[in-house]
Amino acid sequence: MKLLPDTLFGRIALLIVLVMLGSQIVTVGLFRQHRSGLVSQRVAEIVTSHARSMTLALEALDPAQRRVLVEKLQQDATAPLFPAAQFSPSVSEPGPPFTRRIARRLRPVLGPDTEVRFQRGERPTLWVKFRAANEDYWVGYPTSRFEIETPWKLIWVIFGLVGVAVGSAFLVVWRINRPLRQLAVSASALGRGEEPAPVEVTGPAEVRNLSRNFNRMAEDLRKLDADRALLLAGVSHDLRTPLARLRLGTEMMSDASLRGGMIQDIEDIDRIVGQFISFVRDSGNEAEELVDVSEMIDGVCERYRRLGHVIKTDLAPLPPVRIKPTAMQRLLGNLIDNALRYGAEPVEVRISSTPGKIALSVIDHGPGIPEVEMERMKQPFTQLDAARSGGKGNTGLGLAIVERIARLHGGEFILANRREGGLEARVEWPVAEG
């Protein structure tokens, strides 16, 4: 179980809440402590004044009058008075912090012999022992007179202000986080080969600077892709015209063995040019269409069957889904070409679905690929002739094209060796039903 949220917004929001709550709790605690100190000082002053008044009153009376006054004061519920010879508090202990502070303030005023006791029970009482008319007396003060009521109204006001502050902070964090979310979405689209719209330049200076740099980078990448496509399109046009003339001239040669070799070389060169064009072709701009994937796959496989290849299919019936049809046909064609060139027939093409996902698999019966080389084989211009016999007219772009088209569909390209032999090339992408 994660204690921290995963998102930047969640973490900043949590930090703000904790800081605000912590600061307010400390503020309320300090306020209560300060208020308690002031009240304890005031109570000590009242008790001191009361004890002095009683001392003067007791000393001004004769013994008979003094006994009558003491008997009357014993019935006083607010501050009962008892002679120490006749009464002693049953329990003596330090008492709560509030009463201890009162005791510390009384001794310097009433004298070092002043004794303070705290008695618990139904009516907790603070007892103070003082001397008057050569006799010790205990006077009791119910602590209910000293208790400080919790200022709930003030606390609710404070936490209400905390709520307003936290809500305002959430709004600020949300406004800061919004351009970052847009950047994340645009960066993901750019990674799939799409052309995202320019990110809005808003927010703090650092975020604005990041947005401007991202827009500049995206524009530079678009120009680079356009220049690369234009360059290879020109190469394609300039090479294929003389290649066509060479092939026409070769067909007219009398030496059949030489003619066959030259025709094969010309076809290999033409295939290399085609792979370059396919790699830089801007499939990201192709519109998605509602397509019967099983029917599309069967059509591509049928073209290979007409060329004499053994292609087996296991196509589950699927509802039409939205894909880029030309790009997906190119993906399947590259996987079948790769299986035929480096594997062994028959080649199996399977389509299956799980909730929210479609999986397309192309299986051959060749030697497979070492596990450590799986990811490297998806990189452009990568070949592994040691594991799979090389072929002419190959540039190592076939699987890189598959990887790019899979990302365009928000999917994943996976290579895996089969236990029974051969290689499985599987493309999985999320379903976007029409």
Protein backbone atom coordinates (compact mmCIF):
# COMPACT_ATOMS: atom_id res chain seq x y z
CA MET A 1 0.00 0.00 0.00
CA LYS A 2 1.49 3.33 -1.08
CA LEU A 3 1.51 6.11 1.50
CA LEU A 4 2.16 8.88 -1.04
CA PRO A 5 0.00 9.65 -4.09
CA ASP A 6 1.57 8.90 -7.46
CA THR A 7 0.71 12.21 -9.10
CA LEU A 8 2.48 15.53 -8.63
CA PHE A 9 -0.88 17.20 -7.93
CA GLY A 10 -1.67 14.65 -5.21
CA ARG A 11 1.71 15.02 -3.51
CA ILE A 12 1.64 18.83 -3.53
CA ALA A 13 -1.96 18.81 -2.29
CA LEU A 14 -1.07 16.38 0.51
CA LEU A 15 1.92 18.53 1.48
CA ILE A 16 -0.24 21.66 1.61
CA VAL A 17 -2.88 19.92 3.75
CA LEU A 18 -0.29 18.58 6.20
CA VAL A 19 1.52 21.91 6.48
CA MET A 20 -1.70 23.87 6.99
CA LEU A 21 -3.12 21.42 9.53
CA GLY A 22 0.19 21.20 11.38
CA SER A 23 0.56 24.97 11.56
CA GLN A 24 -2.99 25.42 12.82
CA ILE A 25 -2.65 22.67 15.43
CA VAL A 26 0.53 24.31 16.71
CA THR A 27 -1.22 27.71 16.71
CA VAL A 28 -4.20 26.39 18.70
CA GLY A 29 -1.85 24.63 21.15
CA LEU A 30 0.20 27.78 21.73
CA PHE A 31 -2.97 29.83 22.12
CA ARG A 32 -4.38 27.43 24.72
CA GLN A 33 -1.09 27.33 26.61
CA HIS A 34 -0.82 31.10 26.67
CA ARG A 35 -4.46 31.50 27.70
CA SER A 36 -4.05 28.87 30.42
CA GLY A 37 -1.04 30.73 31.79
CA LEU A 38 -2.95 34.00 31.91
CA VAL A 39 -5.95 32.39 33.59
CA SER A 40 -3.78 30.53 36.14
CA GLN A 41 -2.07 33.80 37.00
CA ARG A 42 -5.43 35.48 37.45
CA VAL A 43 -6.76 32.61 39.60
CA ALA A 44 -3.62 32.70 41.77
CA GLU A 45 -4.18 36.39 42.32
CA ILE A 46 -7.81 35.77 43.29
CA VAL A 47 -6.88 32.93 45.68
CA THR A 48 -4.14 35.05 47.24
CA SER A 49 -6.48 37.98 47.70
CA HIS A 50 -9.15 35.70 49.17
CA ALA A 51 -6.70 34.03 51.56
CA ARG A 52 -5.38 37.39 52.75
CA SER A 53 -8.90 38.70 53.28
CA MET A 54 -9.81 35.64 55.31
CA THR A 55 -6.59 35.98 57.32
CA LEU A 56 -7.42 39.57 58.21
CA ALA A 57 -11.00 38.67 59.06
CA LEU A 58 -10.02 35.74 61.29
CA GLU A 59 -7.34 37.73 63.11
CA ALA A 60 -9.75 40.63 63.75
CA LEU A 61 -12.26 38.42 65.62
CA ASP A 62 -12.15 37.01 69.13
CA PRO A 63 -12.05 33.20 69.48
CA ALA A 64 -15.81 32.81 69.92
CA GLN A 65 -16.62 34.95 66.90
CA ARG A 66 -13.90 33.16 64.96
CA ARG A 67 -15.50 29.73 65.66
CA VAL A 68 -18.88 31.02 64.50
CA LEU A 69 -17.37 32.38 61.26
CA VAL A 70 -15.47 29.16 60.60
CA GLU A 71 -18.64 27.09 61.12
CA LYS A 72 -20.49 29.26 58.62
CA LEU A 73 -17.65 29.13 56.08
CA GLN A 74 -17.55 25.33 56.28
CA GLN A 75 -20.97 25.32 54.57
CA ASP A 76 -19.75 27.60 51.75
CA ALA A 77 -19.75 25.52 48.54
CA THR A 78 -17.63 27.99 46.62
CA ALA A 79 -14.72 28.17 49.13
CA PRO A 80 -15.23 25.97 52.23
CA LEU A 81 -12.90 26.70 55.18
CA PHE A 82 -11.80 24.08 57.78
CA PRO A 83 -9.35 24.22 60.66
CA ALA A 84 -6.33 22.05 59.92
CA ALA A 85 -6.69 20.37 63.31
CA GLN A 86 -10.11 19.03 62.35
CA PHE A 87 -9.73 18.38 58.60
CA SER A 88 -7.13 17.21 56.10
CA PRO A 89 -7.70 16.50 52.38
CA SER A 90 -7.96 12.73 51.87
CA VAL A 91 -5.81 12.58 48.72
CA SER A 92 -2.71 14.59 47.99
CA GLU A 93 -1.13 14.48 44.56
CA PRO A 94 0.36 16.90 42.03
CA GLY A 95 -2.88 17.37 40.15
CA PRO A 96 -3.40 18.51 36.56
CA PRO A 97 -1.03 21.04 34.94
CA PHE A 98 -3.47 23.90 35.46
CA THR A 99 -3.61 23.46 39.25
CA ARG A 100 0.15 22.88 39.47
CA ARG A 101 0.75 26.23 37.83
CA ILE A 102 -1.55 27.85 40.43
CA ALA A 103 0.37 26.18 43.25
CA ARG A 104 3.70 27.48 41.92
CA ARG A 105 2.30 31.03 41.91
CA LEU A 106 0.79 30.84 45.42
CA ARG A 107 3.88 29.82 47.42
CA PRO A 108 5.95 32.94 46.67
CA VAL A 109 3.01 35.12 47.78
CA LEU A 110 1.54 33.25 50.77
CA GLY A 111 4.87 32.00 52.07
CA PRO A 112 7.07 28.91 51.74
CA ASP A 113 5.01 27.02 54.34
CA THR A 114 1.94 27.30 52.15
CA GLU A 115 0.76 23.83 51.21
CA VAL A 116 -1.31 23.06 48.11
CA ARG A 117 -3.12 19.77 47.59
CA PHE A 118 -5.33 18.47 44.84
CA GLN A 119 -8.22 16.21 45.80
CA ARG A 120 -9.91 14.07 43.17
CA GLY A 121 -13.48 12.82 43.36
CA GLU A 122 -16.91 13.89 42.27
CA ARG A 123 -15.89 17.48 42.96
CA PRO A 124 -12.17 17.88 42.27
CA THR A 125 -10.90 20.55 44.63
CA LEU A 126 -7.75 22.56 45.04
CA TRP A 127 -6.97 22.91 48.77
CA VAL A 128 -4.73 25.69 50.07
CA LYS A 129 -3.34 25.64 53.62
CA PHE A 130 -2.59 29.02 55.21
CA ARG A 131 -2.00 30.32 58.74
CA ALA A 132 -4.14 32.91 60.49
CA ALA A 133 -4.45 33.86 64.19
CA ASN A 134 -1.79 31.30 65.15
CA GLU A 135 -3.84 28.47 63.63
CA ASP A 136 -3.67 26.58 60.27
CA TYR A 137 -6.70 26.45 57.99
CA TRP A 138 -7.59 24.62 54.79
CA VAL A 139 -9.64 26.51 52.20
CA GLY A 140 -10.98 24.63 49.18
CA TYR A 141 -11.55 25.89 45.67
CA PRO A 142 -13.50 23.60 43.31
CA THR A 143 -11.48 23.30 40.13
CA SER A 144 -14.65 23.73 38.07
CA ARG A 145 -14.21 27.42 38.81
CA PHE A 146 -10.81 27.37 37.14
CA GLU A 147 -11.44 25.14 34.13
CA ILE A 148 -10.91 26.69 30.76
CA GLU A 149 -13.64 25.85 28.30
CA THR A 150 -12.44 24.77 24.89
CA PRO A 151 -13.02 27.66 22.48
CA TRP A 152 -14.85 25.54 19.92
CA LYS A 153 -16.11 28.54 17.97
CA LEU A 154 -12.57 29.81 17.55
CA ILE A 155 -11.34 26.34 16.59
CA TRP A 156 -14.10 25.97 13.98
CA VAL A 157 -13.26 29.40 12.59
CA ILE A 158 -9.57 28.45 12.38
CA PHE A 159 -10.27 25.17 10.61
CA GLY A 160 -12.75 26.91 8.34
CA LEU A 161 -9.98 29.28 7.32
CA VAL A 162 -7.73 26.24 6.82
CA GLY A 163 -10.35 24.76 4.49
CA VAL A 164 -10.52 27.97 2.47
CA ALA A 165 -6.72 28.15 2.29
CA VAL A 166 -6.43 24.50 1.26
CA GLY A 167 -9.14 24.92 -1.39
CA SER A 168 -7.37 27.97 -2.78
CA ALA A 169 -4.07 26.09 -2.75
CA PHE A 170 -5.69 23.18 -4.62
CA LEU A 171 -6.88 25.60 -7.28
CA VAL A 172 -3.39 27.06 -7.64
CA VAL A 173 -1.79 23.60 -7.80
CA TRP A 174 -4.38 22.47 -10.34
CA ARG A 175 -3.60 25.46 -12.56
CA ILE A 176 0.12 24.70 -12.27
CA ASN A 177 -0.42 21.00 -12.95
CA ARG A 178 -2.72 21.49 -15.97
CA PRO A 179 0.02 22.47 -18.45
CA LEU A 180 2.15 19.59 -17.12
CA ARG A 181 -0.70 17.17 -17.90
CA GLN A 182 -0.96 18.65 -21.39
CA LEU A 183 2.79 18.22 -21.79
CA ALA A 184 2.53 14.56 -20.74
CA VAL A 185 -0.27 13.88 -23.24
CA SER A 186 1.57 15.66 -26.06
CA ALA A 187 4.86 13.90 -25.23
CA SER A 188 3.08 10.53 -25.32
CA ALA A 189 1.54 11.38 -28.71
CA LEU A 190 4.92 12.53 -30.00
CA GLY A 191 6.48 9.26 -28.84
CA ARG A 192 3.87 7.34 -30.87
CA GLY A 193 4.87 9.24 -33.98
CA GLU A 194 1.85 11.55 -34.02
CA GLU A 195 1.90 15.33 -34.45
CA PRO A 196 0.42 16.82 -31.26
CA ALA A 197 -1.00 20.33 -31.23
CA PRO A 198 1.27 22.97 -29.67
CA VAL A 199 1.12 23.02 -25.89
CA GLU A 200 -0.45 26.12 -24.38
CA VAL A 201 2.24 28.30 -22.79
CA THR A 202 0.73 29.05 -19.36
CA GLY A 203 1.60 28.70 -15.71
CA PRO A 204 4.73 29.73 -13.78
CA ALA A 205 7.88 30.84 -15.59
CA GLU A 206 9.53 27.41 -15.33
CA VAL A 207 6.47 25.65 -16.77
CA ARG A 208 6.12 28.25 -19.54
CA ASN A 209 9.77 27.79 -20.44
CA LEU A 210 9.29 24.01 -20.52
CA SER A 211 6.22 24.35 -22.73
CA ARG A 212 8.05 26.65 -25.17
CA ASN A 213 11.01 24.26 -25.36
CA PHE A 214 8.70 21.31 -25.94
CA ASN A 215 6.85 23.13 -28.74
CA ARG A 216 10.19 24.07 -30.30
CA MET A 217 11.42 20.47 -30.06
CA ALA A 218 8.19 19.13 -31.59
CA GLU A 219 8.46 21.62 -34.44
CA ASP A 220 12.11 20.68 -35.05
CA LEU A 221 11.16 16.99 -35.12
CA ARG A 222 8.36 17.70 -37.60
CA LYS A 223 10.76 19.56 -39.86
CA LEU A 224 13.32 16.78 -39.53
CA ASP A 225 10.74 14.13 -40.45
CA ALA A 226 9.52 16.22 -43.37
CA ASP A 227 13.06 16.73 -44.65
CA ARG A 228 13.82 13.03 -44.26
CA ALA A 229 10.65 12.02 -46.06
CA LEU A 230 11.36 14.49 -48.85
CA LEU A 231 14.94 13.23 -49.17
CA LEU A 232 13.96 9.58 -49.35
CA ALA A 233 11.06 10.31 -51.67
CA GLY A 234 13.51 11.98 -54.00
CA VAL A 235 15.90 9.04 -53.65
CA SER A 236 13.04 6.68 -54.44
CA HIS A 237 12.07 8.60 -57.55
CA ASP A 238 15.65 9.05 -58.75
CA LEU A 239 16.62 5.41 -58.16
CA ARG A 240 13.53 3.61 -59.35
CA THR A 241 13.52 5.23 -62.79
CA PRO A 242 17.04 4.03 -63.70
CA LEU A 243 16.27 0.70 -62.02
CA ALA A 244 13.30 0.26 -64.31
CA ARG A 245 15.51 0.98 -67.33
CA LEU A 246 18.15 -1.45 -66.05
CA ARG A 247 15.57 -4.16 -65.63
CA LEU A 248 14.20 -3.56 -69.10
CA GLY A 249 17.71 -3.77 -70.52
CA THR A 250 18.45 -6.88 -68.50
CA GLU A 251 15.38 -8.66 -69.81
CA MET A 252 16.82 -8.25 -73.31
CA MET A 253 20.15 -9.89 -72.44
CA SER A 254 20.91 -13.19 -74.14
CA ASP A 255 22.84 -14.76 -71.22
CA ALA A 256 20.08 -16.27 -69.11
CA SER A 257 22.27 -16.98 -66.05
CA LEU A 258 23.66 -13.46 -65.98
CA ARG A 259 20.24 -12.02 -66.63
CA GLY A 260 18.69 -13.84 -63.66
CA GLY A 261 21.38 -12.63 -61.24
CA MET A 262 21.06 -9.04 -62.38
CA ILE A 263 17.28 -9.10 -62.12
CA GLN A 264 17.58 -10.41 -58.55
CA ASP A 265 20.03 -7.63 -57.68
CA ILE A 266 17.69 -5.04 -59.12
CA GLU A 267 14.78 -6.45 -57.12
CA ASP A 268 16.89 -6.38 -53.96
CA ILE A 269 17.77 -2.72 -54.53
CA ASP A 270 14.12 -1.91 -55.19
CA ARG A 271 13.12 -3.71 -51.98
CA ILE A 272 15.71 -1.73 -49.97
CA VAL A 273 14.34 1.53 -51.34
CA GLY A 274 10.82 0.40 -50.45
CA GLN A 275 11.86 -0.35 -46.89
CA PHE A 276 13.37 3.11 -46.48
CA ILE A 277 10.19 4.71 -47.79
CA SER A 278 8.02 2.58 -45.49
CA PHE A 279 10.11 3.51 -42.46
CA VAL A 280 9.74 7.26 -42.96
CA ARG A 281 6.18 7.19 -44.29
CA ASP A 282 4.03 9.47 -42.18
CA SER A 283 1.43 6.97 -40.96
CA GLY A 284 0.61 9.20 -37.99
CA ASN A 285 -1.56 11.39 -40.24
CA GLU A 286 -3.61 8.48 -41.52
CA ALA A 287 -7.19 8.67 -40.30
CA GLU A 288 -8.60 5.83 -38.27
CA GLU A 289 -11.40 3.84 -39.82
CA LEU A 290 -13.89 1.27 -38.59
CA VAL A 291 -12.41 -1.98 -39.92
CA ASP A 292 -13.16 -5.70 -39.68
CA VAL A 293 -9.68 -6.76 -38.56
CA SER A 294 -10.18 -10.46 -39.30
CA GLU A 295 -11.31 -9.71 -42.86
CA MET A 296 -8.36 -7.35 -43.40
CA ILE A 297 -5.88 -9.98 -42.15
CA ASP A 298 -7.42 -12.67 -44.34
CA GLY A 299 -7.07 -10.41 -47.39
CA VAL A 300 -3.35 -9.79 -46.71
CA CYS A 301 -2.70 -13.53 -46.16
CA GLU A 302 -4.52 -14.40 -49.38
CA ARG A 303 -2.07 -12.28 -51.38
CA TYR A 304 0.82 -14.35 -49.99
CA ARG A 305 -1.03 -17.59 -50.74
CA ARG A 306 -1.38 -16.57 -54.38
CA LEU A 307 2.42 -16.26 -54.47
CA GLY A 308 2.71 -19.89 -53.40
CA HIS A 309 3.42 -19.43 -49.67
CA VAL A 310 1.81 -21.60 -47.02
CA ILE A 311 -0.04 -19.22 -44.70
CA LYS A 312 -2.36 -20.65 -42.07
CA THR A 313 -4.85 -18.47 -40.25
CA ASP A 314 -6.76 -18.73 -37.01
CA LEU A 315 -8.96 -15.66 -36.95
CA ALA A 316 -11.47 -15.16 -34.17
CA PRO A 317 -14.60 -13.24 -35.17
CA LEU A 318 -14.27 -9.68 -33.93
CA PRO A 319 -16.54 -6.65 -34.07
CA PRO A 320 -15.28 -3.80 -36.25
CA VAL A 321 -12.71 -1.62 -34.48
CA ARG A 322 -11.04 1.69 -35.31
CA ILE A 323 -7.49 1.35 -36.66
CA LYS A 324 -5.23 2.92 -39.27
CA PRO A 325 -5.87 0.31 -42.01
CA THR A 326 -2.93 1.05 -44.32
CA ALA A 327 -0.46 1.12 -41.44
CA MET A 328 -1.88 -2.11 -39.99
CA GLN A 329 -1.61 -3.89 -43.35
CA ARG A 330 1.99 -2.72 -43.59
CA LEU A 331 2.62 -4.07 -40.08
CA LEU A 332 1.19 -7.49 -40.94
CA GLY A 333 3.06 -7.60 -44.26
CA ASN A 334 6.37 -6.89 -42.54
CA LEU A 335 5.76 -9.61 -39.95
CA ILE A 336 4.89 -12.18 -42.64
CA ASP A 337 7.89 -11.13 -44.78
CA ASN A 338 10.13 -11.49 -41.75
CA ALA A 339 8.71 -14.94 -40.96
CA LEU A 340 9.11 -16.13 -44.57
CA ARG A 341 12.62 -14.70 -44.97
CA TYR A 342 14.14 -15.92 -41.71
CA GLY A 343 11.81 -18.65 -40.49
CA ALA A 344 10.25 -21.68 -42.12
CA GLU A 345 6.80 -22.33 -43.53
CA PRO A 346 4.05 -22.80 -42.72
CA VAL A 347 3.53 -19.33 -41.25
CA GLU A 348 0.61 -19.04 -38.84
CA VAL A 349 -1.37 -15.83 -38.38
CA ARG A 350 -3.67 -15.63 -35.37
CA ILE A 351 -6.00 -12.97 -34.07
CA SER A 352 -7.61 -13.05 -30.63
CA SER A 353 -9.23 -10.66 -28.21
CA THR A 354 -9.56 -10.12 -24.49
CA PRO A 355 -11.65 -7.45 -22.75
CA GLY A 356 -10.30 -4.13 -24.00
CA LYS A 357 -7.46 -5.58 -26.09
CA ILE A 358 -6.72 -7.29 -29.44
CA ALA A 359 -3.68 -9.49 -30.07
CA LEU A 360 -2.25 -10.26 -33.52
CA SER A 361 0.35 -13.04 -33.71
CA VAL A 362 2.56 -14.20 -36.59
CA ILE A 363 4.32 -17.51 -35.92
CA ASP A 364 7.08 -19.15 -37.95
CA HIS A 365 8.94 -22.43 -37.57
CA GLY A 366 12.50 -21.13 -37.82
CA PRO A 367 15.40 -21.12 -35.35
CA GLY A 368 14.08 -18.19 -33.27
CA ILE A 369 16.08 -15.37 -31.69
CA PRO A 370 18.27 -15.41 -28.55
CA GLU A 371 16.37 -13.94 -25.61
CA VAL A 372 19.02 -11.28 -24.97
CA GLU A 373 18.61 -9.94 -28.50
CA MET A 374 14.81 -9.57 -28.50
CA GLU A 375 14.64 -5.85 -27.76
CA ARG A 376 17.65 -4.97 -29.92
CA MET A 377 15.99 -6.53 -32.96
CA LYS A 378 13.25 -3.89 -32.77
CA GLN A 379 15.77 -1.10 -33.39
CA PRO A 380 16.24 0.32 -36.92
CA PHE A 381 19.00 -1.11 -39.13
CA THR A 382 19.45 -4.14 -36.85
CA GLN A 383 20.03 -7.65 -38.21
CA LEU A 384 20.91 -10.91 -36.52
CA ASP A 385 22.34 -13.11 -39.25
CA ALA A 386 24.04 -15.37 -36.71
CA ALA A 387 20.70 -16.47 -35.29
CA ARG A 388 18.61 -16.30 -38.44
CA SER A 389 19.96 -16.69 -41.94
CA GLY A 390 20.34 -13.35 -43.64
CA GLY A 391 18.63 -12.48 -46.86
CA LYS A 392 19.29 -10.08 -49.65
CA GLY A 393 17.50 -6.80 -49.96
CA ASN A 394 17.10 -6.37 -46.22
CA THR A 395 18.04 -3.26 -44.22
CA GLY A 396 16.87 -4.29 -40.76
CA LEU A 397 13.91 -1.90 -40.81
CA GLY A 398 11.04 -4.39 -40.91
CA LEU A 399 10.61 -4.90 -37.17
CA ALA A 400 11.34 -1.21 -36.48
CA ILE A 401 8.39 -0.35 -38.72
CA VAL A 402 6.22 -2.82 -36.81
CA GLU A 403 7.30 -1.24 -33.51
CA ARG A 404 6.44 2.24 -34.77
CA ILE A 405 2.99 1.26 -36.07
CA ALA A 406 2.21 -0.60 -32.83
CA ARG A 407 2.99 2.57 -30.87
CA LEU A 408 0.77 4.58 -33.23
CA HIS A 409 -2.12 2.39 -32.08
CA GLY A 410 -1.14 2.71 -28.42
CA GLY A 411 -0.03 -0.92 -28.40
CA GLU A 412 2.97 -3.09 -27.68
CA PHE A 413 5.18 -5.25 -29.93
CA ILE A 414 6.44 -8.47 -28.32
CA LEU A 415 8.89 -11.09 -29.61
CA ALA A 416 8.97 -14.51 -27.96
CA ASN A 417 10.50 -17.90 -28.78
CA ARG A 418 8.06 -20.81 -28.70
CA ARG A 419 8.83 -23.95 -26.69
CA GLU A 420 7.90 -26.11 -29.67
CA GLY A 421 10.24 -24.11 -31.92
CA GLY A 422 9.96 -20.97 -33.99
CA LEU A 423 9.35 -17.33 -33.20
CA GLU A 424 6.10 -15.60 -32.27
CA ALA A 425 5.80 -11.92 -33.14
CA ARG A 426 2.78 -10.52 -31.29
CA VAL A 427 1.24 -7.06 -31.43
CA GLU A 428 -1.29 -6.09 -28.78
CA TRP A 429 -3.26 -2.86 -28.81
CA PRO A 430 -6.26 -1.51 -26.91
CA VAL A 431 -9.66 -1.75 -28.51
CA ALA A 432 -11.34 1.43 -29.66
CA GLU A 433 -14.74 0.28 -30.85
CA GLY A 434 -16.78 2.41 -33.16
